[in-house]
Amino acid sequence: MVVIKSGVADTLQDLGRFSYRHRGVNVSGAMDKYAMQISNALTGNELQEAVIEMCYPPSTFLFTKPACIALAGADFSPMLNGEPVPLHQPFLVAKDDILHFEKHKKGNWCYLSVSGGIKGDYWLGSCSTHLKIKKGGYQGRTLRKGDEIFFKTTITFHTTYKNRKILPWYANPDGENGCADLSFLYLLKGCEWETLSDESKDALLSKPFTLSPKSDRMGYTLQGPVLESSLLEEQVSSAVDFGTIQLLPGGQAIVLMADHQTTGGFPRIAHVISAHHSRLAQWKAGDPFYFKLTDIKTAEALFFQQQNHLNKLRHACLLRLQEIYSYEN
């Protein structure tokens, strides 16, 4: 497919670049890894397959060969040849079809997967785009007008499906996210939790927070009550991760996201659990939410529940897709 109108910051992403943090190379990867994996599951791909990550406004794409694709995550009102197409449900595209996005409805990050996978540049075992050092993804940069994105395989539709666009199954992205109530995020205590004053602990767990519009792929800045820590000086730099909440000197906090640094010197007061990274990534700036404490056992159970759902979804979709087309390498 060809980018015929570039978006603001679309990139190729996968689950990230692991085993190199001790050398100062951050993991990166998709901001909403759950939505990314849903898009792959719907098209029968391995869950870690590279996809196109889009924020609003996204690119417009012209398909130069038939494909089966799926969109997951944020709702940017996707349109195929001027007609609406669904999120979280695979659909077929033909040669010369145009996919564009009409308006922003919900969420921050939308993912486009192609059955069979997208070709990209791998660096240190990952196709994720590392913008600062211009490695991975598509030439280490965001997508631009005129870029041609190649598929790993070509598909041939079986006769009965040549005129069918939307396939008759879909995923429920909220079905296995750990809780029907999406207004809060579960936290685990961080290494410097006990340095918070009692009043700050109460405020963190009882007062509403919002996200600053200045948030980006490196970190989401929290807006809410001022928190106080007994650590008045910056500490020895220590390991941090996606979801780590660091307390800044002014009393505000930041949640580290996909492009976070490998270490940091600010107090690590808490960590958003992995199963809630998806709702955190998609949270709209200005909308209030709450934090609740949980334990490791619950955090692990919710994460395994998500992964189990993704694996079941992928295998079910893979069986159905075999009825619709065949691959040609």
C-alpha atoms as a PDB file:
ATOM      1  CA  MET A   1       0.000   0.000   0.000  1.00  0.00           C
ATOM      2  CA  VAL A   2       1.043   3.606  -0.571  1.00  0.00           C
ATOM      3  CA  VAL A   3       0.711   6.598   1.742  1.00  0.00           C
ATOM      4  CA  ILE A   4      -1.144   9.168  -0.355  1.00  0.00           C
ATOM      5  CA  LYS A   5      -1.616  11.631   2.511  1.00  0.00           C
ATOM      6  CA  SER A   6       0.681  11.627   5.501  1.00  0.00           C
ATOM      7  CA  GLY A   7      -0.524  11.708   9.089  1.00  0.00           C
ATOM      8  CA  VAL A   8       0.991  13.605  11.957  1.00  0.00           C
ATOM      9  CA  ALA A   9       3.130  10.809  13.464  1.00  0.00           C
ATOM     10  CA  ASP A  10       2.369   7.325  12.088  1.00  0.00           C
ATOM     11  CA  THR A  11       5.026   4.643  12.591  1.00  0.00           C
ATOM     12  CA  LEU A  12       5.600   0.895  12.370  1.00  0.00           C
ATOM     13  CA  GLN A  13       5.555  -0.720  15.808  1.00  0.00           C
ATOM     14  CA  ASP A  14       5.581  -4.192  17.350  1.00  0.00           C
ATOM     15  CA  LEU A  15       5.816  -5.371  20.970  1.00  0.00           C
ATOM     16  CA  GLY A  16       9.205  -3.731  21.400  1.00  0.00           C
ATOM     17  CA  ARG A  17      12.934  -4.266  21.639  1.00  0.00           C
ATOM     18  CA  PHE A  18      13.928  -6.414  24.610  1.00  0.00           C
ATOM     19  CA  SER A  19      17.207  -7.525  26.247  1.00  0.00           C
ATOM     20  CA  TYR A  20      19.084  -4.279  25.531  1.00  0.00           C
ATOM     21  CA  ARG A  21      18.059  -1.993  28.375  1.00  0.00           C
ATOM     22  CA  HIS A  22      21.320  -2.720  30.203  1.00  0.00           C
ATOM     23  CA  ARG A  23      22.984  -0.993  27.248  1.00  0.00           C
ATOM     24  CA  GLY A  24      20.684   2.022  27.428  1.00  0.00           C
ATOM     25  CA  VAL A  25      18.388   0.978  24.560  1.00  0.00           C
ATOM     26  CA  ASN A  26      14.742   1.434  25.526  1.00  0.00           C
ATOM     27  CA  VAL A  27      12.027  -1.086  24.645  1.00  0.00           C
ATOM     28  CA  SER A  28       9.768   1.271  22.669  1.00  0.00           C
ATOM     29  CA  GLY A  29       7.007  -0.628  20.802  1.00  0.00           C
ATOM     30  CA  ALA A  30       3.295   0.092  20.562  1.00  0.00           C
ATOM     31  CA  MET A  31       1.705   2.489  23.024  1.00  0.00           C
ATOM     32  CA  ASP A  32      -1.362   0.260  23.347  1.00  0.00           C
ATOM     33  CA  LYS A  33       0.076  -3.235  23.044  1.00  0.00           C
ATOM     34  CA  TYR A  34      -3.280  -4.853  23.794  1.00  0.00           C
ATOM     35  CA  ALA A  35      -5.024  -3.109  20.883  1.00  0.00           C
ATOM     36  CA  MET A  36      -2.021  -3.842  18.668  1.00  0.00           C
ATOM     37  CA  GLN A  37      -2.286  -7.552  19.467  1.00  0.00           C
ATOM     38  CA  ILE A  38      -6.059  -7.534  18.893  1.00  0.00           C
ATOM     39  CA  SER A  39      -5.516  -6.178  15.379  1.00  0.00           C
ATOM     40  CA  ASN A  40      -2.996  -8.955  14.715  1.00  0.00           C
ATOM     41  CA  ALA A  41      -5.247 -11.642  16.179  1.00  0.00           C
ATOM     42  CA  LEU A  42      -8.136 -10.553  13.939  1.00  0.00           C
ATOM     43  CA  THR A  43      -5.980 -11.018  10.837  1.00  0.00           C
ATOM     44  CA  GLY A  44      -4.512 -14.337  11.989  1.00  0.00           C
ATOM     45  CA  ASN A  45      -1.009 -12.954  12.545  1.00  0.00           C
ATOM     46  CA  GLU A  46       1.399 -13.776  15.305  1.00  0.00           C
ATOM     47  CA  LEU A  47       0.569 -11.371  18.129  1.00  0.00           C
ATOM     48  CA  GLN A  48       3.986  -9.669  17.961  1.00  0.00           C
ATOM     49  CA  GLU A  49       3.772  -8.913  14.212  1.00  0.00           C
ATOM     50  CA  ALA A  50       4.548  -5.316  13.213  1.00  0.00           C
ATOM     51  CA  VAL A  51       1.581  -3.002  12.586  1.00  0.00           C
ATOM     52  CA  ILE A  52       1.045   0.647  11.683  1.00  0.00           C
ATOM     53  CA  GLU A  53       0.453   2.787  14.777  1.00  0.00           C
ATOM     54  CA  MET A  54      -1.535   5.956  14.071  1.00  0.00           C
ATOM     55  CA  CYS A  55      -2.470   9.005  16.103  1.00  0.00           C
ATOM     56  CA  TYR A  56      -4.896  11.675  14.931  1.00  0.00           C
ATOM     57  CA  PRO A  57      -4.851  12.863  12.199  1.00  0.00           C
ATOM     58  CA  PRO A  58      -3.625   9.610  10.590  1.00  0.00           C
ATOM     59  CA  SER A  59      -2.425   8.833   7.079  1.00  0.00           C
ATOM     60  CA  THR A  60      -4.554   7.949   4.052  1.00  0.00           C
ATOM     61  CA  PHE A  61      -3.595   4.702   2.310  1.00  0.00           C
ATOM     62  CA  LEU A  62      -4.028   3.421  -1.243  1.00  0.00           C
ATOM     63  CA  PHE A  63      -3.914  -0.375  -1.542  1.00  0.00           C
ATOM     64  CA  THR A  64      -2.060  -1.655  -4.593  1.00  0.00           C
ATOM     65  CA  LYS A  65      -2.970  -5.305  -4.031  1.00  0.00           C
ATOM     66  CA  PRO A  66      -5.754  -7.238  -2.239  1.00  0.00           C
ATOM     67  CA  ALA A  67      -5.398  -7.693   1.505  1.00  0.00           C
ATOM     68  CA  CYS A  68      -7.235  -8.616   4.680  1.00  0.00           C
ATOM     69  CA  ILE A  69      -6.787  -5.906   7.306  1.00  0.00           C
ATOM     70  CA  ALA A  70      -8.083  -4.973  10.747  1.00  0.00           C
ATOM     71  CA  LEU A  71      -8.168  -1.796  12.816  1.00  0.00           C
ATOM     72  CA  ALA A  72      -8.107  -1.730  16.622  1.00  0.00           C
ATOM     73  CA  GLY A  73      -7.780   0.806  19.408  1.00  0.00           C
ATOM     74  CA  ALA A  74      -8.835   4.423  18.915  1.00  0.00           C
ATOM     75  CA  ASP A  75     -11.853   5.307  16.776  1.00  0.00           C
ATOM     76  CA  PHE A  76     -10.881   7.759  14.027  1.00  0.00           C
ATOM     77  CA  SER A  77     -14.004   7.042  11.907  1.00  0.00           C
ATOM     78  CA  PRO A  78     -12.340   4.751   9.312  1.00  0.00           C
ATOM     79  CA  MET A  79     -13.707   4.894   5.760  1.00  0.00           C
ATOM     80  CA  LEU A  80     -13.001   2.603   2.813  1.00  0.00           C
ATOM     81  CA  ASN A  81     -13.747   4.252  -0.519  1.00  0.00           C
ATOM     82  CA  GLY A  82     -15.987   6.714   1.338  1.00  0.00           C
ATOM     83  CA  GLU A  83     -17.974   4.019   3.186  1.00  0.00           C
ATOM     84  CA  PRO A  84     -17.640   3.355   6.943  1.00  0.00           C
ATOM     85  CA  VAL A  85     -15.743   0.242   8.022  1.00  0.00           C
ATOM     86  CA  PRO A  86     -15.662  -1.148  11.575  1.00  0.00           C
ATOM     87  CA  LEU A  87     -13.063  -1.265  14.282  1.00  0.00           C
ATOM     88  CA  HIS A  88     -12.163  -4.626  15.835  1.00  0.00           C
ATOM     89  CA  GLN A  89     -13.526  -6.552  12.856  1.00  0.00           C
ATOM     90  CA  PRO A  90     -11.458  -7.738   9.866  1.00  0.00           C
ATOM     91  CA  PHE A  91     -12.372  -6.672   6.364  1.00  0.00           C
ATOM     92  CA  LEU A  92     -11.092  -7.247   2.839  1.00  0.00           C
ATOM     93  CA  VAL A  93      -9.614  -4.607   0.588  1.00  0.00           C
ATOM     94  CA  ALA A  94      -9.089  -4.809  -3.177  1.00  0.00           C
ATOM     95  CA  LYS A  95      -6.553  -3.209  -5.478  1.00  0.00           C
ATOM     96  CA  ASP A  96      -7.061   0.584  -5.700  1.00  0.00           C
ATOM     97  CA  ASP A  97      -9.160   0.764  -2.496  1.00  0.00           C
ATOM     98  CA  ILE A  98      -8.509   3.862  -0.369  1.00  0.00           C
ATOM     99  CA  LEU A  99      -8.572   3.841   3.429  1.00  0.00           C
ATOM    100  CA  HIS A 100      -8.930   7.195   5.156  1.00  0.00           C
ATOM    101  CA  PHE A 101     -10.135   8.495   8.509  1.00  0.00           C
ATOM    102  CA  GLU A 102     -12.841  11.128   8.795  1.00  0.00           C
ATOM    103  CA  LYS A 103     -12.897  12.411  12.384  1.00  0.00           C
ATOM    104  CA  HIS A 104     -11.640  11.753  15.881  1.00  0.00           C
ATOM    105  CA  LYS A 105     -14.230  10.051  18.082  1.00  0.00           C
ATOM    106  CA  LYS A 106     -12.386   8.213  20.854  1.00  0.00           C
ATOM    107  CA  GLY A 107      -8.915   7.204  22.029  1.00  0.00           C
ATOM    108  CA  ASN A 108      -5.376   8.187  21.081  1.00  0.00           C
ATOM    109  CA  TRP A 109      -3.777   5.292  19.185  1.00  0.00           C
ATOM    110  CA  CYS A 110      -5.191   3.207  16.327  1.00  0.00           C
ATOM    111  CA  TYR A 111      -3.514   0.100  14.885  1.00  0.00           C
ATOM    112  CA  LEU A 112      -3.663  -1.283  11.356  1.00  0.00           C
ATOM    113  CA  SER A 113      -2.614  -4.894  10.781  1.00  0.00           C
ATOM    114  CA  VAL A 114      -2.350  -6.736   7.469  1.00  0.00           C
ATOM    115  CA  SER A 115      -2.878 -10.482   7.276  1.00  0.00           C
ATOM    116  CA  GLY A 116       0.498 -12.113   6.693  1.00  0.00           C
ATOM    117  CA  GLY A 117       2.409  -9.151   8.061  1.00  0.00           C
ATOM    118  CA  ILE A 118       4.096  -5.918   6.988  1.00  0.00           C
ATOM    119  CA  LYS A 119       7.712  -5.713   5.865  1.00  0.00           C
ATOM    120  CA  GLY A 120       9.813  -3.339   7.912  1.00  0.00           C
ATOM    121  CA  ASP A 121      13.367  -2.594   8.977  1.00  0.00           C
ATOM    122  CA  TYR A 122      14.497  -4.681  11.939  1.00  0.00           C
ATOM    123  CA  TRP A 123      17.016  -3.418  14.456  1.00  0.00           C
ATOM    124  CA  LEU A 124      18.111  -5.464  17.476  1.00  0.00           C
ATOM    125  CA  GLY A 125      15.346  -7.984  16.822  1.00  0.00           C
ATOM    126  CA  SER A 126      12.455  -5.533  16.594  1.00  0.00           C
ATOM    127  CA  CYS A 127      10.633  -3.617  13.872  1.00  0.00           C
ATOM    128  CA  SER A 128       9.587  -0.876  16.291  1.00  0.00           C
ATOM    129  CA  THR A 129      10.515   2.618  15.126  1.00  0.00           C
ATOM    130  CA  HIS A 130      13.139   4.328  17.285  1.00  0.00           C
ATOM    131  CA  LEU A 131      12.741   7.933  16.194  1.00  0.00           C
ATOM    132  CA  LYS A 132      15.642   9.414  18.164  1.00  0.00           C
ATOM    133  CA  ILE A 133      18.301   7.255  16.546  1.00  0.00           C
ATOM    134  CA  LYS A 134      16.339   6.654  13.313  1.00  0.00           C
ATOM    135  CA  LYS A 135      16.347   2.856  13.453  1.00  0.00           C
ATOM    136  CA  GLY A 136      13.679   0.217  12.835  1.00  0.00           C
ATOM    137  CA  GLY A 137      10.215   0.513  11.344  1.00  0.00           C
ATOM    138  CA  TYR A 138      10.149   2.414   8.050  1.00  0.00           C
ATOM    139  CA  GLN A 139      13.624   3.927   7.621  1.00  0.00           C
ATOM    140  CA  GLY A 140      13.587   4.820  11.308  1.00  0.00           C
ATOM    141  CA  ARG A 141      11.017   7.606  10.829  1.00  0.00           C
ATOM    142  CA  THR A 142       7.342   8.474  10.660  1.00  0.00           C
ATOM    143  CA  LEU A 143       5.433   7.661   7.480  1.00  0.00           C
ATOM    144  CA  ARG A 144       5.345  10.301   4.737  1.00  0.00           C
ATOM    145  CA  LYS A 145       3.390  10.892   1.571  1.00  0.00           C
ATOM    146  CA  GLY A 146       4.652   8.608  -1.179  1.00  0.00           C
ATOM    147  CA  ASP A 147       5.983   5.855   1.117  1.00  0.00           C
ATOM    148  CA  GLU A 148       5.270   2.370  -0.228  1.00  0.00           C
ATOM    149  CA  ILE A 149       4.669  -0.261   2.444  1.00  0.00           C
ATOM    150  CA  PHE A 150       5.184  -3.850   1.328  1.00  0.00           C
ATOM    151  CA  PHE A 151       3.337  -6.909   2.614  1.00  0.00           C
ATOM    152  CA  LYS A 152       5.143 -10.104   3.517  1.00  0.00           C
ATOM    153  CA  THR A 153       2.673 -12.219   1.536  1.00  0.00           C
ATOM    154  CA  THR A 154       0.089 -11.936  -1.234  1.00  0.00           C
ATOM    155  CA  ILE A 155      -3.373 -13.407  -0.652  1.00  0.00           C
ATOM    156  CA  THR A 156      -5.789 -14.972  -3.117  1.00  0.00           C
ATOM    157  CA  PHE A 157      -9.470 -14.782  -2.165  1.00  0.00           C
ATOM    158  CA  HIS A 158     -11.616 -17.863  -2.569  1.00  0.00           C
ATOM    159  CA  THR A 159     -14.437 -17.295  -5.065  1.00  0.00           C
ATOM    160  CA  THR A 160     -17.280 -17.046  -2.540  1.00  0.00           C
ATOM    161  CA  TYR A 161     -15.593 -14.146  -0.739  1.00  0.00           C
ATOM    162  CA  LYS A 162     -14.375 -12.034  -3.659  1.00  0.00           C
ATOM    163  CA  ASN A 163     -17.246  -9.557  -3.314  1.00  0.00           C
ATOM    164  CA  ARG A 164     -17.430  -9.580   0.465  1.00  0.00           C
ATOM    165  CA  LYS A 165     -15.893  -6.706   2.377  1.00  0.00           C
ATOM    166  CA  ILE A 166     -16.543  -7.050   6.117  1.00  0.00           C
ATOM    167  CA  LEU A 167     -15.955 -10.479   7.643  1.00  0.00           C
ATOM    168  CA  PRO A 168     -18.595 -11.832  10.043  1.00  0.00           C
ATOM    169  CA  TRP A 169     -16.673 -11.910  13.340  1.00  0.00           C
ATOM    170  CA  TYR A 170     -15.243  -9.301  15.670  1.00  0.00           C
ATOM    171  CA  ALA A 171     -13.406  -8.769  18.938  1.00  0.00           C
ATOM    172  CA  ASN A 172     -14.714  -7.112  22.087  1.00  0.00           C
ATOM    173  CA  PRO A 173     -11.731  -5.022  23.249  1.00  0.00           C
ATOM    174  CA  ASP A 174     -13.267  -4.402  26.681  1.00  0.00           C
ATOM    175  CA  GLY A 175     -14.191  -8.019  27.292  1.00  0.00           C
ATOM    176  CA  GLU A 176     -10.928  -9.072  28.905  1.00  0.00           C
ATOM    177  CA  ASN A 177      -9.367  -5.881  30.192  1.00  0.00           C
ATOM    178  CA  GLY A 178      -9.690  -6.791  33.827  1.00  0.00           C
ATOM    179  CA  CYS A 179     -12.809  -4.916  34.881  1.00  0.00           C
ATOM    180  CA  ALA A 180     -16.022  -3.535  33.422  1.00  0.00           C
ATOM    181  CA  ASP A 181     -15.388  -0.226  35.235  1.00  0.00           C
ATOM    182  CA  LEU A 182     -12.901   1.702  33.091  1.00  0.00           C
ATOM    183  CA  SER A 183     -12.733   4.807  35.300  1.00  0.00           C
ATOM    184  CA  PHE A 184      -9.735   3.704  37.351  1.00  0.00           C
ATOM    185  CA  LEU A 185      -6.259   2.221  36.998  1.00  0.00           C
ATOM    186  CA  TYR A 186      -4.786  -0.405  39.293  1.00  0.00           C
ATOM    187  CA  LEU A 187      -1.450   0.417  40.927  1.00  0.00           C
ATOM    188  CA  LEU A 188       1.313  -1.559  42.584  1.00  0.00           C
ATOM    189  CA  LYS A 189       3.415   0.169  45.234  1.00  0.00           C
ATOM    190  CA  GLY A 190       6.767   1.416  43.947  1.00  0.00           C
ATOM    191  CA  CYS A 191      10.144   1.195  45.663  1.00  0.00           C
ATOM    192  CA  GLU A 192       9.747   4.735  47.032  1.00  0.00           C
ATOM    193  CA  TRP A 193       6.062   4.423  47.999  1.00  0.00           C
ATOM    194  CA  GLU A 194       6.850   4.741  51.703  1.00  0.00           C
ATOM    195  CA  THR A 195       8.582   8.080  51.151  1.00  0.00           C
ATOM    196  CA  LEU A 196       5.185   9.645  50.373  1.00  0.00           C
ATOM    197  CA  SER A 197       3.469  11.451  53.240  1.00  0.00           C
ATOM    198  CA  ASP A 198       0.270   9.875  54.561  1.00  0.00           C
ATOM    199  CA  GLU A 199      -1.696  12.775  53.118  1.00  0.00           C
ATOM    200  CA  SER A 200      -0.131  12.216  49.691  1.00  0.00           C
ATOM    201  CA  LYS A 201      -0.909   8.494  49.777  1.00  0.00           C
ATOM    202  CA  ASP A 202      -4.541   9.283  50.583  1.00  0.00           C
ATOM    203  CA  ALA A 203      -4.705  11.911  47.826  1.00  0.00           C
ATOM    204  CA  LEU A 204      -3.206   9.561  45.224  1.00  0.00           C
ATOM    205  CA  LEU A 205      -5.796   6.896  46.002  1.00  0.00           C
ATOM    206  CA  SER A 206      -8.865   9.083  46.514  1.00  0.00           C
ATOM    207  CA  LYS A 207      -8.575  12.215  44.363  1.00  0.00           C
ATOM    208  CA  PRO A 208      -9.228  12.356  40.586  1.00  0.00           C
ATOM    209  CA  PHE A 209      -6.376  12.822  38.131  1.00  0.00           C
ATOM    210  CA  THR A 210      -6.314  13.908  34.499  1.00  0.00           C
ATOM    211  CA  LEU A 211      -3.678  13.718  31.767  1.00  0.00           C
ATOM    212  CA  SER A 212      -1.932  16.818  30.486  1.00  0.00           C
ATOM    213  CA  PRO A 213      -2.269  17.579  26.739  1.00  0.00           C
ATOM    214  CA  LYS A 214       1.541  17.799  26.715  1.00  0.00           C
ATOM    215  CA  SER A 215       1.817  14.033  27.203  1.00  0.00           C
ATOM    216  CA  ASP A 216       3.664  12.018  24.550  1.00  0.00           C
ATOM    217  CA  ARG A 217       5.079   8.566  23.752  1.00  0.00           C
ATOM    218  CA  MET A 218       7.750   8.989  26.426  1.00  0.00           C
ATOM    219  CA  GLY A 219       5.460   9.876  29.316  1.00  0.00           C
ATOM    220  CA  TYR A 220       1.984  11.027  30.348  1.00  0.00           C
ATOM    221  CA  THR A 221       2.033  13.972  32.767  1.00  0.00           C
ATOM    222  CA  LEU A 222      -0.564  13.698  35.539  1.00  0.00           C
ATOM    223  CA  GLN A 223      -2.599  16.682  36.655  1.00  0.00           C
ATOM    224  CA  GLY A 224      -4.016  16.408  40.148  1.00  0.00           C
ATOM    225  CA  PRO A 225      -3.180  16.988  43.823  1.00  0.00           C
ATOM    226  CA  VAL A 226       0.391  17.954  44.702  1.00  0.00           C
ATOM    227  CA  LEU A 227       2.199  14.988  46.263  1.00  0.00           C
ATOM    228  CA  GLU A 228       4.989  15.205  48.832  1.00  0.00           C
ATOM    229  CA  SER A 229       7.948  12.872  49.321  1.00  0.00           C
ATOM    230  CA  SER A 230      10.605  12.803  52.031  1.00  0.00           C
ATOM    231  CA  LEU A 231      13.218  12.375  49.295  1.00  0.00           C
ATOM    232  CA  LEU A 232      14.168  15.976  48.648  1.00  0.00           C
ATOM    233  CA  GLU A 233      17.142  15.251  46.399  1.00  0.00           C
ATOM    234  CA  GLU A 234      17.385  13.318  43.146  1.00  0.00           C
ATOM    235  CA  GLN A 235      18.357   9.710  43.821  1.00  0.00           C
ATOM    236  CA  VAL A 236      20.833   7.373  42.173  1.00  0.00           C
ATOM    237  CA  SER A 237      19.391   6.495  38.766  1.00  0.00           C
ATOM    238  CA  SER A 238      17.474   3.204  38.941  1.00  0.00           C
ATOM    239  CA  ALA A 239      15.542   0.990  36.541  1.00  0.00           C
ATOM    240  CA  VAL A 240      12.102   2.121  35.365  1.00  0.00           C
ATOM    241  CA  ASP A 241       9.489   0.540  33.099  1.00  0.00           C
ATOM    242  CA  PHE A 242       6.305   1.201  31.129  1.00  0.00           C
ATOM    243  CA  GLY A 243       3.737   2.267  33.729  1.00  0.00           C
ATOM    244  CA  THR A 244       6.216   3.478  36.359  1.00  0.00           C
ATOM    245  CA  ILE A 245       4.937   6.615  38.108  1.00  0.00           C
ATOM    246  CA  GLN A 246       7.739   9.013  38.983  1.00  0.00           C
ATOM    247  CA  LEU A 247       7.285  11.966  41.324  1.00  0.00           C
ATOM    248  CA  LEU A 248       8.773  15.183  39.951  1.00  0.00           C
ATOM    249  CA  PRO A 249      10.324  17.868  42.199  1.00  0.00           C
ATOM    250  CA  GLY A 250       7.283  20.149  41.942  1.00  0.00           C
ATOM    251  CA  GLY A 251       4.961  17.515  43.405  1.00  0.00           C
ATOM    252  CA  GLN A 252       3.403  16.436  40.100  1.00  0.00           C
ATOM    253  CA  ALA A 253       3.805  12.932  38.749  1.00  0.00           C
ATOM    254  CA  ILE A 254       4.504  11.404  35.341  1.00  0.00           C
ATOM    255  CA  VAL A 255       3.609   7.924  34.084  1.00  0.00           C
ATOM    256  CA  LEU A 256       6.284   6.479  31.824  1.00  0.00           C
ATOM    257  CA  MET A 257       5.056   5.170  28.461  1.00  0.00           C
ATOM    258  CA  ALA A 258       6.447   3.176  25.511  1.00  0.00           C
ATOM    259  CA  ASP A 259       9.459   5.392  24.723  1.00  0.00           C
ATOM    260  CA  HIS A 260      10.486   5.832  28.356  1.00  0.00           C
ATOM    261  CA  GLN A 261      14.125   6.025  29.370  1.00  0.00           C
ATOM    262  CA  THR A 262      15.790   2.915  30.822  1.00  0.00           C
ATOM    263  CA  THR A 263      16.645   4.472  34.206  1.00  0.00           C
ATOM    264  CA  GLY A 264      15.609   7.515  36.221  1.00  0.00           C
ATOM    265  CA  GLY A 265      16.492   9.385  39.383  1.00  0.00           C
ATOM    266  CA  PHE A 266      13.044  10.564  40.513  1.00  0.00           C
ATOM    267  CA  PRO A 267      11.165   8.563  43.166  1.00  0.00           C
ATOM    268  CA  ARG A 268       9.225   5.598  41.722  1.00  0.00           C
ATOM    269  CA  ILE A 269       6.141   5.846  43.872  1.00  0.00           C
ATOM    270  CA  ALA A 270       3.960   3.309  42.017  1.00  0.00           C
ATOM    271  CA  HIS A 271       3.438   1.298  38.833  1.00  0.00           C
ATOM    272  CA  VAL A 272       0.316   1.010  36.665  1.00  0.00           C
ATOM    273  CA  ILE A 273      -0.263  -2.736  36.181  1.00  0.00           C
ATOM    274  CA  SER A 274       0.385  -4.185  32.716  1.00  0.00           C
ATOM    275  CA  ALA A 275      -3.255  -5.169  32.176  1.00  0.00           C
ATOM    276  CA  HIS A 276      -4.258  -1.493  32.465  1.00  0.00           C
ATOM    277  CA  HIS A 277      -1.613  -0.039  30.135  1.00  0.00           C
ATOM    278  CA  SER A 278      -4.154  -0.155  27.309  1.00  0.00           C
ATOM    279  CA  ARG A 279      -6.757   2.022  29.034  1.00  0.00           C
ATOM    280  CA  LEU A 280      -3.982   4.371  30.193  1.00  0.00           C
ATOM    281  CA  ALA A 281      -2.616   4.751  26.650  1.00  0.00           C
ATOM    282  CA  GLN A 282      -6.070   5.536  25.231  1.00  0.00           C
ATOM    283  CA  TRP A 283      -7.168   7.910  27.996  1.00  0.00           C
ATOM    284  CA  LYS A 284      -8.371  11.288  26.761  1.00  0.00           C
ATOM    285  CA  ALA A 285      -6.528  14.301  28.139  1.00  0.00           C
ATOM    286  CA  GLY A 286      -8.737  16.176  30.591  1.00  0.00           C
ATOM    287  CA  ASP A 287     -11.025  13.251  31.487  1.00  0.00           C
ATOM    288  CA  PRO A 288     -10.800  12.319  35.194  1.00  0.00           C
ATOM    289  CA  PHE A 289      -9.787   8.893  36.473  1.00  0.00           C
ATOM    290  CA  TYR A 290      -8.788   7.321  39.794  1.00  0.00           C
ATOM    291  CA  PHE A 291      -6.025   5.052  41.060  1.00  0.00           C
ATOM    292  CA  LYS A 292      -6.585   1.970  43.215  1.00  0.00           C
ATOM    293  CA  LEU A 293      -3.980  -0.214  44.897  1.00  0.00           C
ATOM    294  CA  THR A 294      -3.825  -3.909  44.110  1.00  0.00           C
ATOM    295  CA  ASP A 295      -1.358  -6.767  44.651  1.00  0.00           C
ATOM    296  CA  ILE A 296       0.984  -8.782  42.446  1.00  0.00           C
ATOM    297  CA  LYS A 297      -1.319 -11.819  42.426  1.00  0.00           C
ATOM    298  CA  THR A 298      -4.230  -9.788  41.036  1.00  0.00           C
ATOM    299  CA  ALA A 299      -1.998  -7.979  38.526  1.00  0.00           C
ATOM    300  CA  GLU A 300      -0.648 -11.283  37.212  1.00  0.00           C
ATOM    301  CA  ALA A 301      -4.122 -12.837  36.993  1.00  0.00           C
ATOM    302  CA  LEU A 302      -5.476  -9.911  34.964  1.00  0.00           C
ATOM    303  CA  PHE A 303      -2.475  -9.986  32.606  1.00  0.00           C
ATOM    304  CA  PHE A 304      -2.771 -13.750  32.045  1.00  0.00           C
ATOM    305  CA  GLN A 305      -6.495 -13.288  31.442  1.00  0.00           C
ATOM    306  CA  GLN A 306      -5.727 -10.762  28.699  1.00  0.00           C
ATOM    307  CA  GLN A 307      -3.124 -12.991  27.067  1.00  0.00           C
ATOM    308  CA  ASN A 308      -5.408 -16.004  27.184  1.00  0.00           C
ATOM    309  CA  HIS A 309      -8.135 -13.980  25.471  1.00  0.00           C
ATOM    310  CA  LEU A 310      -5.725 -12.821  22.752  1.00  0.00           C
ATOM    311  CA  ASN A 311      -4.476 -16.337  22.042  1.00  0.00           C
ATOM    312  CA  LYS A 312      -8.012 -17.736  21.832  1.00  0.00           C
ATOM    313  CA  LEU A 313      -9.046 -14.885  19.535  1.00  0.00           C
ATOM    314  CA  ARG A 314      -6.085 -15.410  17.214  1.00  0.00           C
ATOM    315  CA  HIS A 315      -6.602 -19.160  16.843  1.00  0.00           C
ATOM    316  CA  ALA A 316     -10.334 -18.738  16.246  1.00  0.00           C
ATOM    317  CA  CYS A 317      -9.736 -16.070  13.582  1.00  0.00           C
ATOM    318  CA  LEU A 318      -6.979 -18.106  11.951  1.00  0.00           C
ATOM    319  CA  LEU A 319      -9.360 -21.032  11.447  1.00  0.00           C
ATOM    320  CA  ARG A 320     -11.990 -18.784   9.905  1.00  0.00           C
ATOM    321  CA  LEU A 321      -9.522 -16.983   7.643  1.00  0.00           C
ATOM    322  CA  GLN A 322      -8.380 -20.266   6.105  1.00  0.00           C
ATOM    323  CA  GLU A 323     -11.872 -20.534   4.591  1.00  0.00           C
ATOM    324  CA  ILE A 324     -11.530 -17.140   2.875  1.00  0.00           C
ATOM    325  CA  TYR A 325      -8.114 -16.901   1.222  1.00  0.00           C
ATOM    326  CA  SER A 326      -4.766 -18.592   0.746  1.00  0.00           C
ATOM    327  CA  TYR A 327      -1.249 -17.137   1.010  1.00  0.00           C
ATOM    328  CA  GLU A 328       1.307 -16.723  -1.757  1.00  0.00           C
ATOM    329  CA  ASN A 329       4.804 -15.861  -0.563  1.00  0.00           C
END
